[in-house]
C-alpha atoms as a PDB file:
ATOM      1  CA  MET A   1      -5.442  11.265 -70.674  1.00  0.00           C
ATOM      2  CA  SER A   2      -2.321  13.363 -70.338  1.00  0.00           C
ATOM      3  CA  SER A   3       1.095  11.784 -69.947  1.00  0.00           C
ATOM      4  CA  SER A   4       0.974  12.699 -66.236  1.00  0.00           C
ATOM      5  CA  GLY A   5      -2.373  10.947 -65.794  1.00  0.00           C
ATOM      6  CA  HIS A   6      -0.779   7.768 -64.445  1.00  0.00           C
ATOM      7  CA  ARG A   7       1.771   9.490 -62.196  1.00  0.00           C
ATOM      8  CA  ILE A   8       1.758  11.002 -58.727  1.00  0.00           C
ATOM      9  CA  THR A   9       1.793  14.747 -59.512  1.00  0.00           C
ATOM     10  CA  HIS A  10       1.071  16.089 -56.010  1.00  0.00           C
ATOM     11  CA  VAL A  11       0.768  14.649 -52.518  1.00  0.00           C
ATOM     12  CA  SER A  12      -3.034  14.913 -52.866  1.00  0.00           C
ATOM     13  CA  ASP A  13      -2.845  12.241 -55.592  1.00  0.00           C
ATOM     14  CA  THR A  14      -1.903   9.716 -52.923  1.00  0.00           C
ATOM     15  CA  ALA A  15      -5.412  10.249 -51.493  1.00  0.00           C
ATOM     16  CA  ARG A  16      -6.917   9.235 -54.867  1.00  0.00           C
ATOM     17  CA  TRP A  17      -4.632   6.221 -55.013  1.00  0.00           C
ATOM     18  CA  THR A  18      -5.708   5.159 -51.515  1.00  0.00           C
ATOM     19  CA  ALA A  19      -9.394   5.725 -52.336  1.00  0.00           C
ATOM     20  CA  LEU A  20      -9.141   3.479 -55.388  1.00  0.00           C
ATOM     21  CA  HIS A  21      -7.769   0.642 -53.253  1.00  0.00           C
ATOM     22  CA  ARG A  22     -10.663   1.130 -50.818  1.00  0.00           C
ATOM     23  CA  ALA A  23     -13.044   0.883 -53.769  1.00  0.00           C
ATOM     24  CA  ASN A  24     -11.380  -2.301 -55.018  1.00  0.00           C
ATOM     25  CA  GLU A  25     -11.570  -3.880 -51.561  1.00  0.00           C
ATOM     26  CA  SER A  26     -15.224  -2.872 -51.181  1.00  0.00           C
ATOM     27  CA  ALA A  27     -16.062  -4.698 -54.430  1.00  0.00           C
ATOM     28  CA  ARG A  28     -14.790  -8.037 -53.092  1.00  0.00           C
ATOM     29  CA  PRO A  29     -17.349 -10.570 -51.870  1.00  0.00           C
ATOM     30  CA  ASP A  30     -15.272 -10.990 -48.692  1.00  0.00           C
ATOM     31  CA  ALA A  31     -14.574  -7.264 -48.227  1.00  0.00           C
ATOM     32  CA  LEU A  32     -13.020  -6.185 -44.929  1.00  0.00           C
ATOM     33  CA  PHE A  33     -15.007  -2.930 -45.094  1.00  0.00           C
ATOM     34  CA  SER A  34     -17.543  -1.225 -47.322  1.00  0.00           C
ATOM     35  CA  ASP A  35     -16.795   2.170 -48.856  1.00  0.00           C
ATOM     36  CA  PRO A  36     -19.388   2.901 -51.582  1.00  0.00           C
ATOM     37  CA  LEU A  37     -18.047   6.452 -52.043  1.00  0.00           C
ATOM     38  CA  ALA A  38     -14.411   5.532 -52.649  1.00  0.00           C
ATOM     39  CA  GLU A  39     -14.588   5.044 -56.418  1.00  0.00           C
ATOM     40  CA  ARG A  40     -16.329   8.397 -56.867  1.00  0.00           C
ATOM     41  CA  LEU A  41     -13.528  10.120 -54.951  1.00  0.00           C
ATOM     42  CA  ALA A  42     -10.664   8.247 -56.631  1.00  0.00           C
ATOM     43  CA  GLY A  43     -11.790   9.235 -60.114  1.00  0.00           C
ATOM     44  CA  GLU A  44     -10.032   8.320 -63.342  1.00  0.00           C
ATOM     45  CA  HIS A  45      -6.719   9.662 -62.095  1.00  0.00           C
ATOM     46  CA  GLY A  46      -6.736   7.384 -59.057  1.00  0.00           C
ATOM     47  CA  ARG A  47      -7.485   4.359 -61.227  1.00  0.00           C
ATOM     48  CA  ALA A  48      -4.762   5.325 -63.714  1.00  0.00           C
ATOM     49  CA  ILE A  49      -2.167   5.601 -60.948  1.00  0.00           C
ATOM     50  CA  VAL A  50      -3.020   2.119 -59.667  1.00  0.00           C
ATOM     51  CA  ASP A  51      -3.304   0.528 -63.131  1.00  0.00           C
ATOM     52  CA  ASN A  52       0.139   1.803 -64.082  1.00  0.00           C
ATOM     53  CA  ALA A  53       1.895   0.946 -60.824  1.00  0.00           C
ATOM     54  CA  PRO A  54       4.393  -1.951 -60.774  1.00  0.00           C
ATOM     55  CA  TRP A  55       2.450  -5.191 -60.433  1.00  0.00           C
ATOM     56  CA  ARG A  56       3.866  -5.852 -56.950  1.00  0.00           C
ATOM     57  CA  GLN A  57       2.317  -2.590 -55.705  1.00  0.00           C
ATOM     58  CA  ARG A  58      -0.945  -2.925 -57.636  1.00  0.00           C
ATOM     59  CA  SER A  59      -2.940  -4.872 -55.031  1.00  0.00           C
ATOM     60  CA  GLY A  60      -2.513  -2.161 -52.381  1.00  0.00           C
ATOM     61  CA  TRP A  61      -2.507  -4.810 -49.655  1.00  0.00           C
ATOM     62  CA  TRP A  62      -0.795  -2.463 -47.175  1.00  0.00           C
ATOM     63  CA  LEU A  63      -3.407   0.276 -47.711  1.00  0.00           C
ATOM     64  CA  VAL A  64      -6.265  -2.177 -47.266  1.00  0.00           C
ATOM     65  CA  ALA A  65      -4.701  -3.528 -44.062  1.00  0.00           C
ATOM     66  CA  ARG A  66      -4.053  -0.004 -42.790  1.00  0.00           C
ATOM     67  CA  THR A  67      -7.652   1.030 -43.420  1.00  0.00           C
ATOM     68  CA  LYS A  68      -9.040  -1.975 -41.560  1.00  0.00           C
ATOM     69  CA  LEU A  69      -6.673  -1.557 -38.599  1.00  0.00           C
ATOM     70  CA  ILE A  70      -7.568   2.118 -38.201  1.00  0.00           C
ATOM     71  CA  ASP A  71     -11.293   1.356 -38.509  1.00  0.00           C
ATOM     72  CA  ASP A  72     -10.842  -0.996 -35.560  1.00  0.00           C
ATOM     73  CA  VAL A  73      -8.859   1.610 -33.567  1.00  0.00           C
ATOM     74  CA  ILE A  74     -11.698   4.105 -34.022  1.00  0.00           C
ATOM     75  CA  ALA A  75     -14.345   1.602 -32.908  1.00  0.00           C
ATOM     76  CA  GLU A  76     -12.327   0.720 -29.803  1.00  0.00           C
ATOM     77  CA  ALA A  77     -11.731   4.383 -28.932  1.00  0.00           C
ATOM     78  CA  ILE A  78     -15.433   5.198 -29.213  1.00  0.00           C
ATOM     79  CA  ALA A  79     -16.246   2.231 -26.983  1.00  0.00           C
ATOM     80  CA  ALA A  80     -13.740   3.665 -24.480  1.00  0.00           C
ATOM     81  CA  GLY A  81     -15.452   7.061 -24.415  1.00  0.00           C
ATOM     82  CA  CYS A  82     -13.889   9.000 -27.281  1.00  0.00           C
ATOM     83  CA  ASP A  83     -15.867  12.226 -27.714  1.00  0.00           C
ATOM     84  CA  ARG A  84     -13.985  13.793 -30.628  1.00  0.00           C
ATOM     85  CA  VAL A  85     -11.986  12.679 -33.667  1.00  0.00           C
ATOM     86  CA  LEU A  86      -9.468  14.959 -35.343  1.00  0.00           C
ATOM     87  CA  ASN A  87      -8.463  13.602 -38.739  1.00  0.00           C
ATOM     88  CA  LEU A  88      -5.336  15.512 -39.739  1.00  0.00           C
ATOM     89  CA  ALA A  89      -4.573  15.454 -43.474  1.00  0.00           C
ATOM     90  CA  ALA A  90      -7.919  13.714 -43.920  1.00  0.00           C
ATOM     91  CA  GLY A  91      -7.562  13.496 -47.670  1.00  0.00           C
ATOM     92  CA  LEU A  92     -10.427  11.590 -49.267  1.00  0.00           C
ATOM     93  CA  ASP A  93     -11.273   9.554 -46.189  1.00  0.00           C
ATOM     94  CA  THR A  94     -14.977   8.658 -45.865  1.00  0.00           C
ATOM     95  CA  ARG A  95     -15.193   7.192 -42.373  1.00  0.00           C
ATOM     96  CA  PRO A  96     -17.780   9.760 -41.155  1.00  0.00           C
ATOM     97  CA  TYR A  97     -20.085   8.408 -43.884  1.00  0.00           C
ATOM     98  CA  ARG A  98     -19.392   4.679 -43.720  1.00  0.00           C
ATOM     99  CA  LEU A  99     -18.672   3.758 -40.085  1.00  0.00           C
ATOM    100  CA  GLU A 100     -21.242   3.171 -37.360  1.00  0.00           C
ATOM    101  CA  LEU A 101     -20.691   6.315 -35.308  1.00  0.00           C
ATOM    102  CA  PRO A 102     -22.606   8.035 -32.484  1.00  0.00           C
ATOM    103  CA  PRO A 103     -24.685  10.859 -34.032  1.00  0.00           C
ATOM    104  CA  ASN A 104     -23.327  13.336 -31.451  1.00  0.00           C
ATOM    105  CA  LEU A 105     -19.666  12.478 -32.079  1.00  0.00           C
ATOM    106  CA  VAL A 106     -17.722  15.539 -33.258  1.00  0.00           C
ATOM    107  CA  TRP A 107     -15.481  14.673 -36.199  1.00  0.00           C
ATOM    108  CA  ILE A 108     -13.157  17.354 -37.600  1.00  0.00           C
ATOM    109  CA  GLU A 109     -11.242  16.947 -40.841  1.00  0.00           C
ATOM    110  CA  ALA A 110      -8.214  19.134 -41.560  1.00  0.00           C
ATOM    111  CA  ASP A 111      -6.349  19.378 -44.848  1.00  0.00           C
ATOM    112  CA  LEU A 112      -5.269  21.720 -47.601  1.00  0.00           C
ATOM    113  CA  PRO A 113      -8.049  23.954 -48.948  1.00  0.00           C
ATOM    114  CA  GLN A 114      -8.141  22.682 -52.545  1.00  0.00           C
ATOM    115  CA  LEU A 115      -8.542  19.029 -51.586  1.00  0.00           C
ATOM    116  CA  LEU A 116     -11.183  19.801 -48.963  1.00  0.00           C
ATOM    117  CA  ALA A 117     -13.139  21.909 -51.457  1.00  0.00           C
ATOM    118  CA  GLU A 118     -13.046  19.110 -54.033  1.00  0.00           C
ATOM    119  CA  LYS A 119     -14.152  16.555 -51.462  1.00  0.00           C
ATOM    120  CA  THR A 120     -17.003  18.750 -50.193  1.00  0.00           C
ATOM    121  CA  GLU A 121     -18.269  19.147 -53.752  1.00  0.00           C
ATOM    122  CA  LEU A 122     -18.039  15.442 -54.574  1.00  0.00           C
ATOM    123  CA  LEU A 123     -19.892  14.465 -51.380  1.00  0.00           C
ATOM    124  CA  ALA A 124     -22.456  17.269 -51.406  1.00  0.00           C
ATOM    125  CA  ASP A 125     -25.326  14.791 -51.783  1.00  0.00           C
ATOM    126  CA  GLN A 126     -24.176  12.625 -48.854  1.00  0.00           C
ATOM    127  CA  THR A 127     -25.062  12.874 -45.151  1.00  0.00           C
ATOM    128  CA  PRO A 128     -22.430  11.995 -42.537  1.00  0.00           C
ATOM    129  CA  ARG A 129     -23.350   9.818 -39.577  1.00  0.00           C
ATOM    130  CA  CYS A 130     -21.855  12.212 -37.021  1.00  0.00           C
ATOM    131  CA  ARG A 131     -21.223  15.939 -36.536  1.00  0.00           C
ATOM    132  CA  LEU A 132     -18.681  16.495 -39.305  1.00  0.00           C
ATOM    133  CA  THR A 133     -16.841  19.741 -39.989  1.00  0.00           C
ATOM    134  CA  ARG A 134     -13.898  20.521 -42.269  1.00  0.00           C
ATOM    135  CA  THR A 135     -11.146  23.063 -41.710  1.00  0.00           C
ATOM    136  CA  ALA A 136      -8.521  24.191 -44.214  1.00  0.00           C
ATOM    137  CA  VAL A 137      -5.185  24.512 -42.427  1.00  0.00           C
ATOM    138  CA  ASP A 138      -1.476  24.141 -43.109  1.00  0.00           C
ATOM    139  CA  LEU A 139      -0.537  21.622 -40.441  1.00  0.00           C
ATOM    140  CA  ILE A 140       3.165  22.387 -40.864  1.00  0.00           C
ATOM    141  CA  ASP A 141       2.719  26.043 -39.924  1.00  0.00           C
ATOM    142  CA  PRO A 142       3.140  26.091 -36.100  1.00  0.00           C
ATOM    143  CA  VAL A 143       0.974  29.168 -35.594  1.00  0.00           C
ATOM    144  CA  ALA A 144      -1.860  27.961 -37.836  1.00  0.00           C
ATOM    145  CA  ARG A 145      -1.640  24.473 -36.324  1.00  0.00           C
ATOM    146  CA  CYS A 146      -1.832  25.769 -32.756  1.00  0.00           C
ATOM    147  CA  ALA A 147      -4.840  27.956 -33.556  1.00  0.00           C
ATOM    148  CA  PHE A 148      -6.573  25.041 -35.245  1.00  0.00           C
ATOM    149  CA  LEU A 149      -5.964  22.679 -32.316  1.00  0.00           C
ATOM    150  CA  ASP A 150      -7.153  25.264 -29.799  1.00  0.00           C
ATOM    151  CA  GLU A 151     -10.463  25.541 -31.610  1.00  0.00           C
ATOM    152  CA  ALA A 152     -10.835  21.888 -32.638  1.00  0.00           C
ATOM    153  CA  LEU A 153     -10.233  20.543 -29.122  1.00  0.00           C
ATOM    154  CA  ASP A 154     -12.354  23.095 -27.286  1.00  0.00           C
ATOM    155  CA  GLY A 155     -14.780  21.156 -25.087  1.00  0.00           C
ATOM    156  CA  ALA A 156     -13.226  17.741 -25.782  1.00  0.00           C
ATOM    157  CA  SER A 157     -12.069  15.450 -22.984  1.00  0.00           C
ATOM    158  CA  LYS A 158     -11.056  12.198 -24.760  1.00  0.00           C
ATOM    159  CA  ALA A 159     -10.049  13.024 -28.310  1.00  0.00           C
ATOM    160  CA  LEU A 160      -8.539  10.667 -30.861  1.00  0.00           C
ATOM    161  CA  VAL A 161      -6.110  12.237 -33.331  1.00  0.00           C
ATOM    162  CA  LEU A 162      -5.662  10.411 -36.640  1.00  0.00           C
ATOM    163  CA  THR A 163      -2.659  11.009 -38.886  1.00  0.00           C
ATOM    164  CA  GLU A 164      -3.236   8.308 -41.473  1.00  0.00           C
ATOM    165  CA  GLY A 165      -0.874   8.616 -44.414  1.00  0.00           C
ATOM    166  CA  LEU A 166       0.608  11.914 -43.214  1.00  0.00           C
ATOM    167  CA  LEU A 167       3.853  11.489 -41.301  1.00  0.00           C
ATOM    168  CA  MET A 168       5.827   9.808 -44.084  1.00  0.00           C
ATOM    169  CA  TYR A 169       5.586  12.992 -46.184  1.00  0.00           C
ATOM    170  CA  LEU A 170       7.022  15.209 -43.420  1.00  0.00           C
ATOM    171  CA  ASP A 171      10.577  16.041 -42.436  1.00  0.00           C
ATOM    172  CA  ASP A 172      11.704  14.731 -39.045  1.00  0.00           C
ATOM    173  CA  ARG A 173      11.572  18.226 -37.510  1.00  0.00           C
ATOM    174  CA  ASP A 174       7.960  18.649 -38.655  1.00  0.00           C
ATOM    175  CA  VAL A 175       7.006  15.290 -37.124  1.00  0.00           C
ATOM    176  CA  VAL A 176       8.596  16.426 -33.855  1.00  0.00           C
ATOM    177  CA  GLY A 177       6.639  19.676 -34.024  1.00  0.00           C
ATOM    178  CA  LEU A 178       3.385  17.845 -34.656  1.00  0.00           C
ATOM    179  CA  ALA A 179       4.096  15.312 -31.894  1.00  0.00           C
ATOM    180  CA  ASN A 180       4.599  18.102 -29.393  1.00  0.00           C
ATOM    181  CA  ALA A 181       1.589  20.082 -30.654  1.00  0.00           C
ATOM    182  CA  VAL A 182      -0.931  17.255 -30.175  1.00  0.00           C
ATOM    183  CA  LYS A 183       0.397  16.324 -26.734  1.00  0.00           C
ATOM    184  CA  ARG A 184      -2.489  18.044 -24.979  1.00  0.00           C
ATOM    185  CA  PRO A 185      -4.649  16.955 -22.027  1.00  0.00           C
ATOM    186  CA  GLU A 186      -7.729  16.751 -24.268  1.00  0.00           C
ATOM    187  CA  VAL A 187      -6.022  14.148 -26.484  1.00  0.00           C
ATOM    188  CA  ALA A 188      -6.331  10.611 -25.157  1.00  0.00           C
ATOM    189  CA  TRP A 189      -4.944   8.809 -28.214  1.00  0.00           C
ATOM    190  CA  TRP A 190      -2.810   9.515 -31.251  1.00  0.00           C
ATOM    191  CA  MET A 191      -2.865   7.077 -34.153  1.00  0.00           C
ATOM    192  CA  VAL A 192       0.253   7.115 -36.350  1.00  0.00           C
ATOM    193  CA  ASN A 193       1.486   5.038 -39.245  1.00  0.00           C
ATOM    194  CA  PHE A 194       4.926   5.079 -40.822  1.00  0.00           C
ATOM    195  CA  THR A 195       7.516   2.984 -42.621  1.00  0.00           C
ATOM    196  CA  GLY A 196      11.182   2.235 -42.127  1.00  0.00           C
ATOM    197  CA  PRO A 197      14.036   3.469 -44.357  1.00  0.00           C
ATOM    198  CA  GLU A 198      14.032   0.441 -46.663  1.00  0.00           C
ATOM    199  CA  LEU A 199      10.368   0.780 -47.594  1.00  0.00           C
ATOM    200  CA  LYS A 200      10.781   4.533 -47.977  1.00  0.00           C
ATOM    201  CA  LYS A 201      13.421   3.854 -50.590  1.00  0.00           C
ATOM    202  CA  THR A 202      11.253   1.247 -52.329  1.00  0.00           C
ATOM    203  CA  MET A 203       8.186   3.469 -52.560  1.00  0.00           C
ATOM    204  CA  ASN A 204      10.134   6.491 -53.792  1.00  0.00           C
ATOM    205  CA  ASN A 205      11.818   4.416 -56.491  1.00  0.00           C
ATOM    206  CA  ARG A 206       8.923   2.312 -57.761  1.00  0.00           C
ATOM    207  CA  ILE A 207       5.827   4.542 -57.848  1.00  0.00           C
ATOM    208  CA  ALA A 208       5.873   6.880 -60.854  1.00  0.00           C
ATOM    209  CA  GLY A 209       6.234  10.502 -59.785  1.00  0.00           C
ATOM    210  CA  MET A 210       6.561   9.736 -56.072  1.00  0.00           C
ATOM    211  CA  ARG A 211      10.168  10.815 -55.568  1.00  0.00           C
ATOM    212  CA  GLN A 212       9.706  14.017 -57.583  1.00  0.00           C
ATOM    213  CA  ASN A 213       6.289  15.153 -56.355  1.00  0.00           C
ATOM    214  CA  ALA A 214       5.379  13.410 -53.080  1.00  0.00           C
ATOM    215  CA  PRO A 215       8.486  11.727 -51.658  1.00  0.00           C
ATOM    216  CA  PHE A 216       8.467   9.664 -48.504  1.00  0.00           C
ATOM    217  CA  LYS A 217      10.696  11.472 -45.993  1.00  0.00           C
ATOM    218  CA  PHE A 218      10.002  10.354 -42.432  1.00  0.00           C
ATOM    219  CA  ALA A 219      11.169   6.790 -41.798  1.00  0.00           C
ATOM    220  CA  PRO A 220      12.754   6.452 -38.341  1.00  0.00           C
ATOM    221  CA  GLU A 221      15.305   3.700 -37.862  1.00  0.00           C
ATOM    222  CA  ASN A 222      14.228   3.466 -34.211  1.00  0.00           C
ATOM    223  CA  GLY A 223      10.534   2.915 -35.020  1.00  0.00           C
ATOM    224  CA  VAL A 224       8.058   3.751 -32.268  1.00  0.00           C
ATOM    225  CA  ALA A 225      10.948   4.689 -29.974  1.00  0.00           C
ATOM    226  CA  PHE A 226      11.082   7.934 -31.961  1.00  0.00           C
ATOM    227  CA  PHE A 227       7.751   8.927 -30.396  1.00  0.00           C
ATOM    228  CA  GLU A 228       8.511   7.452 -26.980  1.00  0.00           C
ATOM    229  CA  GLU A 229      11.570   9.681 -26.745  1.00  0.00           C
ATOM    230  CA  LEU A 230       9.198  12.638 -27.255  1.00  0.00           C
ATOM    231  CA  GLY A 231       7.075  11.630 -24.255  1.00  0.00           C
ATOM    232  CA  TRP A 232       4.501   9.367 -25.896  1.00  0.00           C
ATOM    233  CA  ARG A 233       3.655   5.861 -24.699  1.00  0.00           C
ATOM    234  CA  THR A 234       2.869   3.045 -27.119  1.00  0.00           C
ATOM    235  CA  LEU A 235      -0.417   1.256 -26.433  1.00  0.00           C
ATOM    236  CA  GLU A 236      -0.220  -1.046 -29.429  1.00  0.00           C
ATOM    237  CA  VAL A 237       1.758  -1.412 -32.626  1.00  0.00           C
ATOM    238  CA  GLN A 238       0.743  -3.623 -35.551  1.00  0.00           C
ATOM    239  CA  SER A 239       2.759  -4.609 -38.595  1.00  0.00           C
ATOM    240  CA  LEU A 240       0.915  -3.991 -41.877  1.00  0.00           C
ATOM    241  CA  LEU A 241       2.507  -7.090 -43.373  1.00  0.00           C
ATOM    242  CA  ALA A 242       1.367  -9.304 -40.482  1.00  0.00           C
ATOM    243  CA  ALA A 243      -2.112  -7.746 -40.548  1.00  0.00           C
ATOM    244  CA  ALA A 244      -2.431  -8.212 -44.319  1.00  0.00           C
ATOM    245  CA  HIS A 245      -1.472 -11.860 -43.890  1.00  0.00           C
ATOM    246  CA  ARG A 246      -4.043 -12.264 -41.105  1.00  0.00           C
ATOM    247  CA  PHE A 247      -6.693 -10.615 -43.289  1.00  0.00           C
ATOM    248  CA  ARG A 248      -5.751 -12.879 -46.250  1.00  0.00           C
ATOM    249  CA  ARG A 249      -4.726  -9.929 -48.400  1.00  0.00           C
ATOM    250  CA  LEU A 250      -0.998 -10.572 -48.698  1.00  0.00           C
ATOM    251  CA  PRO A 251       0.086 -11.554 -52.245  1.00  0.00           C
ATOM    252  CA  LEU A 252       0.997 -15.209 -52.639  1.00  0.00           C
ATOM    253  CA  LEU A 253       4.691 -14.582 -53.242  1.00  0.00           C
ATOM    254  CA  MET A 254       4.961 -12.542 -50.048  1.00  0.00           C
ATOM    255  CA  ARG A 255       3.255 -14.970 -47.704  1.00  0.00           C
ATOM    256  CA  PRO A 256       6.430 -16.833 -46.689  1.00  0.00           C
ATOM    257  CA  ILE A 257       7.821 -13.515 -45.388  1.00  0.00           C
ATOM    258  CA  ALA A 258       4.945 -13.288 -42.911  1.00  0.00           C
ATOM    259  CA  TRP A 259       6.151 -16.457 -41.198  1.00  0.00           C
ATOM    260  CA  LEU A 260       9.551 -14.923 -40.504  1.00  0.00           C
ATOM    261  CA  ARG A 261      10.308 -13.077 -37.304  1.00  0.00           C
ATOM    262  CA  GLN A 262       9.058  -9.511 -37.664  1.00  0.00           C
ATOM    263  CA  PRO A 263      11.369  -6.542 -36.934  1.00  0.00           C
ATOM    264  CA  ASP A 264      11.505  -5.167 -33.408  1.00  0.00           C
ATOM    265  CA  PRO A 265       9.205  -2.090 -33.518  1.00  0.00           C
ATOM    266  CA  ARG A 266      11.788  -0.119 -31.490  1.00  0.00           C
ATOM    267  CA  ARG A 267      14.851  -1.386 -33.354  1.00  0.00           C
ATOM    268  CA  PRO A 268      13.735  -2.239 -36.885  1.00  0.00           C
ATOM    269  CA  GLY A 269      16.939  -0.870 -38.381  1.00  0.00           C
ATOM    270  CA  ARG A 270      16.874  -1.154 -42.164  1.00  0.00           C
ATOM    271  CA  LYS A 271      14.574  -4.160 -42.364  1.00  0.00           C
ATOM    272  CA  PRO A 272      11.321  -3.699 -44.328  1.00  0.00           C
ATOM    273  CA  PHE A 273       8.969  -2.181 -41.783  1.00  0.00           C
ATOM    274  CA  ALA A 274       5.525  -0.527 -41.883  1.00  0.00           C
ATOM    275  CA  VAL A 275       3.206  -0.206 -38.895  1.00  0.00           C
ATOM    276  CA  VAL A 276       0.119   1.358 -37.414  1.00  0.00           C
ATOM    277  CA  ALA A 277       0.687   2.431 -33.795  1.00  0.00           C
ATOM    278  CA  LEU A 278      -1.655   3.806 -31.168  1.00  0.00           C
ATOM    279  CA  LEU A 279      -0.008   6.217 -28.729  1.00  0.00           C
ATOM    280  CA  THR A 280      -1.006   7.974 -25.541  1.00  0.00           C
ATOM    281  CA  HIS A 281       0.793  10.285 -23.092  1.00  0.00           C
END
């Protein structure tokens, strides 16, 4: 393997890294979810990135907790009448193949063309459980994004927009643009996840290649208040650390931290902070 084989070389590598952690979780006898396609998608590069990460980051507890929390958000939204899911920067996500979904549910994945093409090829022998389509789009381009949303939301009445693992790689102005773009009457819910400044610094410094090739950028000191000031309303917000502790996935040395008072989600300041939040407007 090349010398870059264990490093993050592009933001798309973070999708392989995440897929490998889903594969590792799925192999546990007490797995929180089952993703039989994850190892195929992660590939050797995904495994190399994880195997060469600092030991404190190697378990991927925050990614496992995030996956489980978002699985639950999707199930609850469908029970509440969700008729469309837009997965923005879908990466190597496999939820249309592994979740129990209504066959008539429209699920639209959007991402960069190269990653979508690779994913389509790797999953060519698989059948999704819903009406899945994929669209190549640059979500940072306002014109392309608007055209995509116009088409993707046509006919929807209670859509759920997922931005799992996306916002932290965007500049603040791009997050504002995206927040305003998805604030449409067809969108009932927007799922976001993000970290605070301290964890942004930690991730950029400790994961090989992250700062150079896929740096964390968005990390608001005012937490979910950042979105509330843009006209969104917070339905729920869950700490990844607290969820990982509840799911029994937090490393032993970190468990005492879970008993401490968690940061205020609207005033986390510079305390370690990572959440999944469900928003509406």
